[in-house]
Amino acid sequence: MHGDDELARKAVRAARELSHCATSLASEAANLARALEAHHSAEHTFAASKASLDAAQASFAIDDMAATGRVELVEVLDHAHLSIEAAEHAVRAAKRAIAEARVNAGRSGGASSATG
């Protein structure tokens, strides 16, 4: 039984970390879509931003469970899954923004050598 408890704790810790990483990825995807918004429709930024918020909400739910000590593995895994799905949505929205910005920036001669 002790071994199962340790495995469950490791799974919760890994799910929590993965959820935080997914939230970070979703946030960066939204930041990229926002930065390129002059060259694509705002719907991509909106979709990425909403997905970023959804990822954060799922991640915060895991943190809340951990903080209260009421950690149910299945519930943690459900929230981790939600945060990963949200990150995937954010990345897809950012990819659409990139594709549209490439076309539109090329039309306007908006090439830039900015780095950052």
PDB file of N, CA and C in Angstrom:
ATOM      1  N   MET A   1       0.820  -1.198   0.000  1.00  0.00           N
ATOM      2  CA  MET A   1       0.000   0.000   0.000  1.00  0.00           C
ATOM      3  C   MET A   1       0.866   1.265   0.000  1.00  0.00           C
ATOM      4  N   HIS A   2       1.930   1.229   0.760  1.00  0.00           N
ATOM      5  CA  HIS A   2       2.816   2.390   0.835  1.00  0.00           C
ATOM      6  C   HIS A   2       3.386   2.752  -0.534  1.00  0.00           C
ATOM      7  N   GLY A   3       3.742   1.745  -1.324  1.00  0.00           N
ATOM      8  CA  GLY A   3       4.261   1.976  -2.665  1.00  0.00           C
ATOM      9  C   GLY A   3       3.247   2.637  -3.565  1.00  0.00           C
ATOM     10  N   ASP A   4       1.975   2.258  -3.436  1.00  0.00           N
ATOM     11  CA  ASP A   4       0.917   2.868  -4.233  1.00  0.00           C
ATOM     12  C   ASP A   4       0.729   4.341  -3.875  1.00  0.00           C
ATOM     13  N   ASP A   5       0.843   4.654  -2.579  1.00  0.00           N
ATOM     14  CA  ASP A   5       0.727   6.048  -2.144  1.00  0.00           C
ATOM     15  C   ASP A   5       1.854   6.898  -2.725  1.00  0.00           C
ATOM     16  N   GLU A   6       3.051   6.344  -2.724  1.00  0.00           N
ATOM     17  CA  GLU A   6       4.207   7.066  -3.272  1.00  0.00           C
ATOM     18  C   GLU A   6       4.041   7.287  -4.774  1.00  0.00           C
ATOM     19  N   LEU A   7       3.575   6.274  -5.476  1.00  0.00           N
ATOM     20  CA  LEU A   7       3.331   6.419  -6.922  1.00  0.00           C
ATOM     21  C   LEU A   7       2.249   7.458  -7.187  1.00  0.00           C
ATOM     22  N   ALA A   8       1.219   7.466  -6.377  1.00  0.00           N
ATOM     23  CA  ALA A   8       0.145   8.455  -6.540  1.00  0.00           C
ATOM     24  C   ALA A   8       0.677   9.863  -6.304  1.00  0.00           C
ATOM     25  N   ARG A   9       1.525  10.040  -5.268  1.00  0.00           N
ATOM     26  CA  ARG A   9       2.114  11.363  -5.009  1.00  0.00           C
ATOM     27  C   ARG A   9       2.988  11.814  -6.170  1.00  0.00           C
ATOM     28  N   LYS A  10       3.762  10.882  -6.720  1.00  0.00           N
ATOM     29  CA  LYS A  10       4.601  11.214  -7.879  1.00  0.00           C
ATOM     30  C   LYS A  10       3.744  11.587  -9.082  1.00  0.00           C
ATOM     31  N   ALA A  11       2.661  10.866  -9.278  1.00  0.00           N
ATOM     32  CA  ALA A  11       1.765  11.171 -10.398  1.00  0.00           C
ATOM     33  C   ALA A  11       1.128  12.541 -10.227  1.00  0.00           C
ATOM     34  N   VAL A  12       0.706  12.855  -9.018  1.00  0.00           N
ATOM     35  CA  VAL A  12       0.106  14.171  -8.753  1.00  0.00           C
ATOM     36  C   VAL A  12       1.132  15.266  -8.990  1.00  0.00           C
ATOM     37  N   ARG A  13       2.343  15.082  -8.492  1.00  0.00           N
ATOM     38  CA  ARG A  13       3.405  16.083  -8.677  1.00  0.00           C
ATOM     39  C   ARG A  13       3.702  16.287 -10.162  1.00  0.00           C
ATOM     40  N   ALA A  14       3.811  15.181 -10.899  1.00  0.00           N
ATOM     41  CA  ALA A  14       4.095  15.281 -12.336  1.00  0.00           C
ATOM     42  C   ALA A  14       2.940  15.938 -13.080  1.00  0.00           C
ATOM     43  N   ALA A  15       1.714  15.576 -12.738  1.00  0.00           N
ATOM     44  CA  ALA A  15       0.539  16.175 -13.391  1.00  0.00           C
ATOM     45  C   ALA A  15       0.475  17.670 -13.102  1.00  0.00           C
ATOM     46  N   ARG A  16       0.805  18.031 -11.866  1.00  0.00           N
ATOM     47  CA  ARG A  16       0.796  19.446 -11.491  1.00  0.00           C
ATOM     48  C   ARG A  16       1.852  20.218 -12.273  1.00  0.00           C
ATOM     49  N   GLU A  17       3.055  19.669 -12.368  1.00  0.00           N
ATOM     50  CA  GLU A  17       4.123  20.330 -13.118  1.00  0.00           C
ATOM     51  C   GLU A  17       3.780  20.429 -14.604  1.00  0.00           C
ATOM     52  N   LEU A  18       3.247  19.364 -15.155  1.00  0.00           N
ATOM     53  CA  LEU A  18       2.854  19.377 -16.561  1.00  0.00           C
ATOM     54  C   LEU A  18       1.766  20.410 -16.811  1.00  0.00           C
ATOM     55  N   SER A  19       0.835  20.509 -15.887  1.00  0.00           N
ATOM     56  CA  SER A  19      -0.229  21.491 -16.010  1.00  0.00           C
ATOM     57  C   SER A  19       0.329  22.913 -15.990  1.00  0.00           C
ATOM     58  N   HIS A  20       1.306  23.151 -15.125  1.00  0.00           N
ATOM     59  CA  HIS A  20       1.941  24.474 -15.087  1.00  0.00           C
ATOM     60  C   HIS A  20       2.687  24.759 -16.392  1.00  0.00           C
ATOM     61  N   CYS A  21       3.361  23.760 -16.923  1.00  0.00           N
ATOM     62  CA  CYS A  21       4.059  23.938 -18.205  1.00  0.00           C
ATOM     63  C   CYS A  21       3.074  24.218 -19.327  1.00  0.00           C
ATOM     64  N   ALA A  22       1.957  23.502 -19.328  1.00  0.00           N
ATOM     65  CA  ALA A  22       0.927  23.720 -20.347  1.00  0.00           C
ATOM     66  C   ALA A  22       0.375  25.138 -20.247  1.00  0.00           C
ATOM     67  N   THR A  23       0.198  25.613 -19.023  1.00  0.00           N
ATOM     68  CA  THR A  23      -0.293  26.974 -18.817  1.00  0.00           C
ATOM     69  C   THR A  23       0.706  27.993 -19.351  1.00  0.00           C
ATOM     70  N   SER A  24       1.974  27.763 -19.097  1.00  0.00           N
ATOM     71  CA  SER A  24       3.019  28.659 -19.600  1.00  0.00           C
ATOM     72  C   SER A  24       3.049  28.656 -21.131  1.00  0.00           C
ATOM     73  N   LEU A  25       2.961  27.475 -21.719  1.00  0.00           N
ATOM     74  CA  LEU A  25       2.937  27.369 -23.179  1.00  0.00           C
ATOM     75  C   LEU A  25       1.732  28.109 -23.759  1.00  0.00           C
ATOM     76  N   ALA A  26       0.580  27.926 -23.155  1.00  0.00           N
ATOM     77  CA  ALA A  26      -0.629  28.595 -23.633  1.00  0.00           C
ATOM     78  C   ALA A  26      -0.485  30.116 -23.527  1.00  0.00           C
ATOM     79  N   SER A  27       0.110  30.572 -22.442  1.00  0.00           N
ATOM     80  CA  SER A  27       0.317  32.008 -22.250  1.00  0.00           C
ATOM     81  C   SER A  27       1.245  32.575 -23.320  1.00  0.00           C
ATOM     82  N   GLU A  28       2.317  31.867 -23.618  1.00  0.00           N
ATOM     83  CA  GLU A  28       3.252  32.343 -24.647  1.00  0.00           C
ATOM     84  C   GLU A  28       2.608  32.312 -26.033  1.00  0.00           C
ATOM     85  N   ALA A  29       1.780  31.328 -26.284  1.00  0.00           N
ATOM     86  CA  ALA A  29       1.066  31.287 -27.566  1.00  0.00           C
ATOM     87  C   ALA A  29       0.146  32.492 -27.689  1.00  0.00           C
ATOM     88  N   ALA A  30      -0.534  32.834 -26.613  1.00  0.00           N
ATOM     89  CA  ALA A  30      -1.408  34.011 -26.626  1.00  0.00           C
ATOM     90  C   ALA A  30      -0.589  35.286 -26.795  1.00  0.00           C
ATOM     91  N   ASN A  31       0.569  35.357 -26.142  1.00  0.00           N
ATOM     92  CA  ASN A  31       1.437  36.530 -26.295  1.00  0.00           C
ATOM     93  C   ASN A  31       1.897  36.690 -27.743  1.00  0.00           C
ATOM     94  N   LEU A  32       2.237  35.592 -28.381  1.00  0.00           N
ATOM     95  CA  LEU A  32       2.674  35.650 -29.774  1.00  0.00           C
ATOM     96  C   LEU A  32       1.532  36.105 -30.677  1.00  0.00           C
ATOM     97  N   ALA A  33       0.359  35.526 -30.483  1.00  0.00           N
ATOM     98  CA  ALA A  33      -0.794  35.941 -31.297  1.00  0.00           C
ATOM     99  C   ALA A  33      -1.070  37.430 -31.096  1.00  0.00           C
ATOM    100  N   ARG A  34      -0.971  37.892 -29.858  1.00  0.00           N
ATOM    101  CA  ARG A  34      -1.207  39.302 -29.552  1.00  0.00           C
ATOM    102  C   ARG A  34      -0.160  40.180 -30.230  1.00  0.00           C
ATOM    103  N   ALA A  35       1.087  39.746 -30.220  1.00  0.00           N
ATOM    104  CA  ALA A  35       2.173  40.531 -30.810  1.00  0.00           C
ATOM    105  C   ALA A  35       2.030  40.651 -32.321  1.00  0.00           C
ATOM    106  N   LEU A  36       1.419  39.649 -32.943  1.00  0.00           N
ATOM    107  CA  LEU A  36       1.254  39.639 -34.400  1.00  0.00           C
ATOM    108  C   LEU A  36      -0.095  40.173 -34.853  1.00  0.00           C
ATOM    109  N   GLU A  37      -0.891  40.654 -33.931  1.00  0.00           N
ATOM    110  CA  GLU A  37      -2.273  41.001 -34.242  1.00  0.00           C
ATOM    111  C   GLU A  37      -2.428  42.040 -35.347  1.00  0.00           C
ATOM    112  N   ALA A  38      -1.443  42.869 -35.552  1.00  0.00           N
ATOM    113  CA  ALA A  38      -1.526  43.857 -36.636  1.00  0.00           C
ATOM    114  C   ALA A  38      -1.580  43.183 -38.001  1.00  0.00           C
ATOM    115  N   HIS A  39      -1.189  41.911 -38.059  1.00  0.00           N
ATOM    116  CA  HIS A  39      -1.105  41.206 -39.328  1.00  0.00           C
ATOM    117  C   HIS A  39      -2.075  40.033 -39.455  1.00  0.00           C
ATOM    118  N   HIS A  40      -2.975  39.896 -38.506  1.00  0.00           N
ATOM    119  CA  HIS A  40      -3.966  38.814 -38.598  1.00  0.00           C
ATOM    120  C   HIS A  40      -5.248  39.239 -37.905  1.00  0.00           C
ATOM    121  N   SER A  41      -6.282  38.456 -38.096  1.00  0.00           N
ATOM    122  CA  SER A  41      -7.557  38.805 -37.476  1.00  0.00           C
ATOM    123  C   SER A  41      -7.499  38.579 -35.969  1.00  0.00           C
ATOM    124  N   ALA A  42      -8.218  39.398 -35.257  1.00  0.00           N
ATOM    125  CA  ALA A  42      -8.205  39.352 -33.795  1.00  0.00           C
ATOM    126  C   ALA A  42      -8.775  38.044 -33.251  1.00  0.00           C
ATOM    127  N   GLU A  43      -9.511  37.321 -34.048  1.00  0.00           N
ATOM    128  CA  GLU A  43     -10.100  36.073 -33.556  1.00  0.00           C
ATOM    129  C   GLU A  43      -9.030  35.082 -33.109  1.00  0.00           C
ATOM    130  N   HIS A  44      -7.875  35.113 -33.743  1.00  0.00           N
ATOM    131  CA  HIS A  44      -6.799  34.200 -33.341  1.00  0.00           C
ATOM    132  C   HIS A  44      -6.263  34.587 -31.961  1.00  0.00           C
ATOM    133  N   THR A  45      -6.123  35.877 -31.729  1.00  0.00           N
ATOM    134  CA  THR A  45      -5.675  36.349 -30.426  1.00  0.00           C
ATOM    135  C   THR A  45      -6.702  35.998 -29.362  1.00  0.00           C
ATOM    136  N   PHE A  46      -7.965  36.220 -29.685  1.00  0.00           N
ATOM    137  CA  PHE A  46      -9.033  35.909 -28.735  1.00  0.00           C
ATOM    138  C   PHE A  46      -9.015  34.423 -28.389  1.00  0.00           C
ATOM    139  N   ALA A  47      -8.919  33.573 -29.395  1.00  0.00           N
ATOM    140  CA  ALA A  47      -8.934  32.126 -29.159  1.00  0.00           C
ATOM    141  C   ALA A  47      -7.738  31.692 -28.312  1.00  0.00           C
ATOM    142  N   ALA A  48      -6.562  32.211 -28.624  1.00  0.00           N
ATOM    143  CA  ALA A  48      -5.365  31.848 -27.857  1.00  0.00           C
ATOM    144  C   ALA A  48      -5.459  32.373 -26.427  1.00  0.00           C
ATOM    145  N   SER A  49      -5.970  33.578 -26.264  1.00  0.00           N
ATOM    146  CA  SER A  49      -6.093  34.163 -24.923  1.00  0.00           C
ATOM    147  C   SER A  49      -7.093  33.398 -24.072  1.00  0.00           C
ATOM    148  N   LYS A  50      -8.209  33.043 -24.661  1.00  0.00           N
ATOM    149  CA  LYS A  50      -9.214  32.267 -23.922  1.00  0.00           C
ATOM    150  C   LYS A  50      -8.648  30.908 -23.528  1.00  0.00           C
ATOM    151  N   ALA A  51      -7.953  30.270 -24.446  1.00  0.00           N
ATOM    152  CA  ALA A  51      -7.353  28.973 -24.144  1.00  0.00           C
ATOM    153  C   ALA A  51      -6.309  29.108 -23.034  1.00  0.00           C
ATOM    154  N   SER A  52      -5.568  30.203 -23.037  1.00  0.00           N
ATOM    155  CA  SER A  52      -4.577  30.445 -21.996  1.00  0.00           C
ATOM    156  C   SER A  52      -5.258  30.566 -20.631  1.00  0.00           C
ATOM    157  N   LEU A  53      -6.355  31.271 -20.590  1.00  0.00           N
ATOM    158  CA  LEU A  53      -7.104  31.401 -19.339  1.00  0.00           C
ATOM    159  C   LEU A  53      -7.669  30.053 -18.886  1.00  0.00           C
ATOM    160  N   ASP A  54      -8.151  29.262 -19.835  1.00  0.00           N
ATOM    161  CA  ASP A  54      -8.673  27.933 -19.504  1.00  0.00           C
ATOM    162  C   ASP A  54      -7.571  27.041 -18.925  1.00  0.00           C
ATOM    163  N   ALA A  55      -6.386  27.120 -19.516  1.00  0.00           N
ATOM    164  CA  ALA A  55      -5.262  26.329 -19.005  1.00  0.00           C
ATOM    165  C   ALA A  55      -4.904  26.757 -17.587  1.00  0.00           C
ATOM    166  N   ALA A  56      -4.866  28.052 -17.373  1.00  0.00           N
ATOM    167  CA  ALA A  56      -4.538  28.568 -16.041  1.00  0.00           C
ATOM    168  C   ALA A  56      -5.587  28.150 -15.017  1.00  0.00           C
ATOM    169  N   GLN A  57      -6.844  28.208 -15.403  1.00  0.00           N
ATOM    170  CA  GLN A  57      -7.917  27.824 -14.488  1.00  0.00           C
ATOM    171  C   GLN A  57      -7.774  26.359 -14.066  1.00  0.00           C
ATOM    172  N   ALA A  58      -7.472  25.492 -15.007  1.00  0.00           N
ATOM    173  CA  ALA A  58      -7.293  24.078 -14.689  1.00  0.00           C
ATOM    174  C   ALA A  58      -6.071  23.874 -13.799  1.00  0.00           C
ATOM    175  N   SER A  59      -5.017  24.592 -14.089  1.00  0.00           N
ATOM    176  CA  SER A  59      -3.798  24.495 -13.287  1.00  0.00           C
ATOM    177  C   SER A  59      -4.030  25.003 -11.866  1.00  0.00           C
ATOM    178  N   PHE A  60      -4.745  26.113 -11.736  1.00  0.00           N
ATOM    179  CA  PHE A  60      -5.043  26.659 -10.413  1.00  0.00           C
ATOM    180  C   PHE A  60      -5.907  25.699  -9.599  1.00  0.00           C
ATOM    181  N   ALA A  61      -6.787  24.977 -10.277  1.00  0.00           N
ATOM    182  CA  ALA A  61      -7.619  23.999  -9.576  1.00  0.00           C
ATOM    183  C   ALA A  61      -6.753  22.918  -8.932  1.00  0.00           C
ATOM    184  N   ILE A  62      -5.721  22.488  -9.653  1.00  0.00           N
ATOM    185  CA  ILE A  62      -4.792  21.504  -9.086  1.00  0.00           C
ATOM    186  C   ILE A  62      -4.063  22.104  -7.889  1.00  0.00           C
ATOM    187  N   ASP A  63      -3.611  23.343  -8.032  1.00  0.00           N
ATOM    188  CA  ASP A  63      -2.923  24.013  -6.925  1.00  0.00           C
ATOM    189  C   ASP A  63      -3.829  24.132  -5.708  1.00  0.00           C
ATOM    190  N   ASP A  64      -5.101  24.453  -5.943  1.00  0.00           N
ATOM    191  CA  ASP A  64      -6.053  24.563  -4.833  1.00  0.00           C
ATOM    192  C   ASP A  64      -6.220  23.228  -4.117  1.00  0.00           C
ATOM    193  N   MET A  65      -6.310  22.152  -4.899  1.00  0.00           N
ATOM    194  CA  MET A  65      -6.429  20.829  -4.278  1.00  0.00           C
ATOM    195  C   MET A  65      -5.198  20.519  -3.435  1.00  0.00           C
ATOM    196  N   ALA A  66      -4.033  20.828  -3.975  1.00  0.00           N
ATOM    197  CA  ALA A  66      -2.793  20.561  -3.251  1.00  0.00           C
ATOM    198  C   ALA A  66      -2.714  21.400  -1.980  1.00  0.00           C
ATOM    199  N   ALA A  67      -3.157  22.650  -2.057  1.00  0.00           N
ATOM    200  CA  ALA A  67      -3.091  23.545  -0.904  1.00  0.00           C
ATOM    201  C   ALA A  67      -4.030  23.109   0.220  1.00  0.00           C
ATOM    202  N   THR A  68      -5.157  22.551  -0.145  1.00  0.00           N
ATOM    203  CA  THR A  68      -6.122  22.122   0.873  1.00  0.00           C
ATOM    204  C   THR A  68      -5.836  20.719   1.382  1.00  0.00           C
ATOM    205  N   GLY A  69      -4.956  20.003   0.683  1.00  0.00           N
ATOM    206  CA  GLY A  69      -4.654  18.640   1.079  1.00  0.00           C
ATOM    207  C   GLY A  69      -5.688  17.630   0.617  1.00  0.00           C
ATOM    208  N   ARG A  70      -6.689  18.104  -0.107  1.00  0.00           N
ATOM    209  CA  ARG A  70      -7.741  17.231  -0.625  1.00  0.00           C
ATOM    210  C   ARG A  70      -7.407  16.893  -2.071  1.00  0.00           C
ATOM    211  N   VAL A  71      -6.507  15.947  -2.238  1.00  0.00           N
ATOM    212  CA  VAL A  71      -6.018  15.613  -3.565  1.00  0.00           C
ATOM    213  C   VAL A  71      -6.571  14.256  -3.987  1.00  0.00           C
ATOM    214  N   GLU A  72      -7.389  14.277  -5.008  1.00  0.00           N
ATOM    215  CA  GLU A  72      -7.906  13.054  -5.617  1.00  0.00           C
ATOM    216  C   GLU A  72      -7.191  12.891  -6.953  1.00  0.00           C
ATOM    217  N   LEU A  73      -6.490  11.788  -7.109  1.00  0.00           N
ATOM    218  CA  LEU A  73      -5.682  11.573  -8.304  1.00  0.00           C
ATOM    219  C   LEU A  73      -6.494  11.731  -9.578  1.00  0.00           C
ATOM    220  N   VAL A  74      -7.663  11.149  -9.632  1.00  0.00           N
ATOM    221  CA  VAL A  74      -8.482  11.217 -10.852  1.00  0.00           C
ATOM    222  C   VAL A  74      -8.839  12.670 -11.164  1.00  0.00           C
ATOM    223  N   GLU A  75      -9.174  13.436 -10.149  1.00  0.00           N
ATOM    224  CA  GLU A  75      -9.518  14.839 -10.361  1.00  0.00           C
ATOM    225  C   GLU A  75      -8.303  15.648 -10.822  1.00  0.00           C
ATOM    226  N   VAL A  76      -7.157  15.366 -10.241  1.00  0.00           N
ATOM    227  CA  VAL A  76      -5.927  16.039 -10.667  1.00  0.00           C
ATOM    228  C   VAL A  76      -5.642  15.718 -12.129  1.00  0.00           C
ATOM    229  N   LEU A  77      -5.761  14.459 -12.485  1.00  0.00           N
ATOM    230  CA  LEU A  77      -5.508  14.062 -13.869  1.00  0.00           C
ATOM    231  C   LEU A  77      -6.509  14.702 -14.829  1.00  0.00           C
ATOM    232  N   ASP A  78      -7.754  14.811 -14.406  1.00  0.00           N
ATOM    233  CA  ASP A  78      -8.762  15.483 -15.242  1.00  0.00           C
ATOM    234  C   ASP A  78      -8.374  16.939 -15.508  1.00  0.00           C
ATOM    235  N   HIS A  79      -7.940  17.625 -14.463  1.00  0.00           N
ATOM    236  CA  HIS A  79      -7.546  19.029 -14.624  1.00  0.00           C
ATOM    237  C   HIS A  79      -6.268  19.158 -15.438  1.00  0.00           C
ATOM    238  N   ALA A  80      -5.331  18.235 -15.246  1.00  0.00           N
ATOM    239  CA  ALA A  80      -4.113  18.263 -16.060  1.00  0.00           C
ATOM    240  C   ALA A  80      -4.459  18.071 -17.529  1.00  0.00           C
ATOM    241  N   HIS A  81      -5.365  17.150 -17.790  1.00  0.00           N
ATOM    242  CA  HIS A  81      -5.807  16.919 -19.173  1.00  0.00           C
ATOM    243  C   HIS A  81      -6.426  18.191 -19.753  1.00  0.00           C
ATOM    244  N   LEU A  82      -7.253  18.870 -18.967  1.00  0.00           N
ATOM    245  CA  LEU A  82      -7.876  20.111 -19.435  1.00  0.00           C
ATOM    246  C   LEU A  82      -6.833  21.181 -19.740  1.00  0.00           C
ATOM    247  N   SER A  83      -5.827  21.295 -18.899  1.00  0.00           N
ATOM    248  CA  SER A  83      -4.803  22.318 -19.145  1.00  0.00           C
ATOM    249  C   SER A  83      -3.996  21.997 -20.401  1.00  0.00           C
ATOM    250  N   ILE A  84      -3.720  20.727 -20.621  1.00  0.00           N
ATOM    251  CA  ILE A  84      -2.988  20.329 -21.833  1.00  0.00           C
ATOM    252  C   ILE A  84      -3.828  20.583 -23.075  1.00  0.00           C
ATOM    253  N   GLU A  85      -5.101  20.232 -23.014  1.00  0.00           N
ATOM    254  CA  GLU A  85      -5.995  20.507 -24.154  1.00  0.00           C
ATOM    255  C   GLU A  85      -6.071  22.000 -24.438  1.00  0.00           C
ATOM    256  N   ALA A  86      -6.175  22.795 -23.397  1.00  0.00           N
ATOM    257  CA  ALA A  86      -6.238  24.245 -23.584  1.00  0.00           C
ATOM    258  C   ALA A  86      -4.955  24.768 -24.221  1.00  0.00           C
ATOM    259  N   ALA A  87      -3.819  24.250 -23.789  1.00  0.00           N
ATOM    260  CA  ALA A  87      -2.543  24.660 -24.389  1.00  0.00           C
ATOM    261  C   ALA A  87      -2.512  24.286 -25.866  1.00  0.00           C
ATOM    262  N   GLU A  88      -3.021  23.122 -26.196  1.00  0.00           N
ATOM    263  CA  GLU A  88      -3.069  22.709 -27.599  1.00  0.00           C
ATOM    264  C   GLU A  88      -3.934  23.662 -28.414  1.00  0.00           C
ATOM    265  N   HIS A  89      -5.055  24.102 -27.848  1.00  0.00           N
ATOM    266  CA  HIS A  89      -5.919  25.069 -28.539  1.00  0.00           C
ATOM    267  C   HIS A  89      -5.190  26.398 -28.732  1.00  0.00           C
ATOM    268  N   ALA A  90      -4.491  26.840 -27.703  1.00  0.00           N
ATOM    269  CA  ALA A  90      -3.749  28.106 -27.794  1.00  0.00           C
ATOM    270  C   ALA A  90      -2.673  28.030 -28.866  1.00  0.00           C
ATOM    271  N   VAL A  91      -1.966  26.918 -28.904  1.00  0.00           N
ATOM    272  CA  VAL A  91      -0.905  26.753 -29.904  1.00  0.00           C
ATOM    273  C   VAL A  91      -1.510  26.726 -31.310  1.00  0.00           C
ATOM    274  N   ARG A  92      -2.611  26.025 -31.481  1.00  0.00           N
ATOM    275  CA  ARG A  92      -3.257  26.008 -32.809  1.00  0.00           C
ATOM    276  C   ARG A  92      -3.684  27.420 -33.228  1.00  0.00           C
ATOM    277  N   ALA A  93      -4.219  28.192 -32.292  1.00  0.00           N
ATOM    278  CA  ALA A  93      -4.609  29.569 -32.605  1.00  0.00           C
ATOM    279  C   ALA A  93      -3.384  30.401 -32.964  1.00  0.00           C
ATOM    280  N   ALA A  94      -2.299  30.224 -32.230  1.00  0.00           N
ATOM    281  CA  ALA A  94      -1.065  30.962 -32.540  1.00  0.00           C
ATOM    282  C   ALA A  94      -0.524  30.549 -33.905  1.00  0.00           C
ATOM    283  N   LYS A  95      -0.616  29.268 -34.236  1.00  0.00           N
ATOM    284  CA  LYS A  95      -0.148  28.814 -35.550  1.00  0.00           C
ATOM    285  C   LYS A  95      -0.985  29.436 -36.663  1.00  0.00           C
ATOM    286  N   ARG A  96      -2.293  29.554 -36.453  1.00  0.00           N
ATOM    287  CA  ARG A  96      -3.137  30.224 -37.455  1.00  0.00           C
ATOM    288  C   ARG A  96      -2.755  31.698 -37.567  1.00  0.00           C
ATOM    289  N   ALA A  97      -2.471  32.321 -36.433  1.00  0.00           N
ATOM    290  CA  ALA A  97      -2.046  33.725 -36.436  1.00  0.00           C
ATOM    291  C   ALA A  97      -0.733  33.886 -37.191  1.00  0.00           C
ATOM    292  N   ILE A  98       0.205  32.983 -36.962  1.00  0.00           N
ATOM    293  CA  ILE A  98       1.493  33.031 -37.659  1.00  0.00           C
ATOM    294  C   ILE A  98       1.289  32.886 -39.159  1.00  0.00           C
ATOM    295  N   ALA A  99       0.492  31.919 -39.548  1.00  0.00           N
ATOM    296  CA  ALA A  99       0.264  31.682 -40.979  1.00  0.00           C
ATOM    297  C   ALA A  99      -0.371  32.897 -41.646  1.00  0.00           C
ATOM    298  N   GLU A 100      -1.364  33.465 -40.990  1.00  0.00           N
ATOM    299  CA  GLU A 100      -2.028  34.641 -41.556  1.00  0.00           C
ATOM    300  C   GLU A 100      -1.093  35.853 -41.556  1.00  0.00           C
ATOM    301  N   ALA A 101      -0.320  36.016 -40.507  1.00  0.00           N
ATOM    302  CA  ALA A 101       0.616  37.142 -40.420  1.00  0.00           C
ATOM    303  C   ALA A 101       1.704  37.036 -41.477  1.00  0.00           C
ATOM    304  N   ARG A 102       2.153  35.824 -41.764  1.00  0.00           N
ATOM    305  CA  ARG A 102       3.161  35.642 -42.818  1.00  0.00           C
ATOM    306  C   ARG A 102       2.647  36.161 -44.149  1.00  0.00           C
ATOM    307  N   VAL A 103       1.435  35.798 -44.471  1.00  0.00           N
ATOM    308  CA  VAL A 103       0.845  36.225 -45.739  1.00  0.00           C
ATOM    309  C   VAL A 103       0.638  37.730 -45.746  1.00  0.00           C
ATOM    310  N   ASN A 104       0.037  38.244 -44.684  1.00  0.00           N
ATOM    311  CA  ASN A 104      -0.290  39.673 -44.646  1.00  0.00           C
ATOM    312  C   ASN A 104       0.933  40.559 -44.488  1.00  0.00           C
ATOM    313  N   ALA A 105       1.917  40.125 -43.733  1.00  0.00           N
ATOM    314  CA  ALA A 105       3.145  40.926 -43.570  1.00  0.00           C
ATOM    315  C   ALA A 105       3.898  40.978 -44.888  1.00  0.00           C
ATOM    316  N   GLY A 106       3.860  39.889 -45.643  1.00  0.00           N
ATOM    317  CA  GLY A 106       4.514  39.846 -46.949  1.00  0.00           C
ATOM    318  C   GLY A 106       3.871  40.790 -47.940  1.00  0.00           C
ATOM    319  N   ARG A 107       2.554  40.908 -47.861  1.00  0.00           N
ATOM    320  CA  ARG A 107       1.822  41.814 -48.772  1.00  0.00           C
ATOM    321  C   ARG A 107       2.147  43.282 -48.496  1.00  0.00           C
ATOM    322  N   SER A 108       2.310  43.599 -47.231  1.00  0.00           N
ATOM    323  CA  SER A 108       2.528  45.006 -46.874  1.00  0.00           C
ATOM    324  C   SER A 108       3.993  45.370 -46.824  1.00  0.00           C
ATOM    325  N   GLY A 109       4.847  44.398 -47.147  1.00  0.00           N
ATOM    326  CA  GLY A 109       6.288  44.682 -47.074  1.00  0.00           C
ATOM    327  C   GLY A 109       6.735  44.877 -45.650  1.00  0.00           C
ATOM    328  N   GLY A 110       5.992  44.266 -44.720  1.00  0.00           N
ATOM    329  CA  GLY A 110       6.247  44.486 -43.294  1.00  0.00           C
ATOM    330  C   GLY A 110       7.317  43.611 -42.705  1.00  0.00           C
ATOM    331  N   ALA A 111       8.314  43.259 -43.469  1.00  0.00           N
ATOM    332  CA  ALA A 111       9.392  42.460 -42.910  1.00  0.00           C
ATOM    333  C   ALA A 111      10.140  43.271 -41.875  1.00  0.00           C
ATOM    334  N   SER A 112      10.567  42.596 -40.843  1.00  0.00           N
ATOM    335  CA  SER A 112      11.272  43.282 -39.765  1.00  0.00           C
ATOM    336  C   SER A 112      12.476  42.457 -39.356  1.00  0.00           C
ATOM    337  N   SER A 113      13.506  43.143 -38.925  1.00  0.00           N
ATOM    338  CA  SER A 113      14.670  42.426 -38.443  1.00  0.00           C
ATOM    339  C   SER A 113      14.746  42.507 -36.928  1.00  0.00           C
ATOM    340  N   ALA A 114      13.643  42.879 -36.296  1.00  0.00           N
ATOM    341  CA  ALA A 114      13.633  43.006 -34.845  1.00  0.00           C
ATOM    342  C   ALA A 114      13.855  41.647 -34.199  1.00  0.00           C
ATOM    343  N   THR A 115      14.600  41.689 -33.120  1.00  0.00           N
ATOM    344  CA  THR A 115      14.815  40.477 -32.334  1.00  0.00           C
ATOM    345  C   THR A 115      14.399  40.773 -30.908  1.00  0.00           C
ATOM    346  N   GLY A 116      14.152  39.717 -30.185  1.00  0.00           N
ATOM    347  CA  GLY A 116      13.799  39.996 -28.813  1.00  0.00           C
ATOM    348  C   GLY A 116      13.569  38.797 -28.098  1.00  0.00           C
TER     349      GLY A 116
END
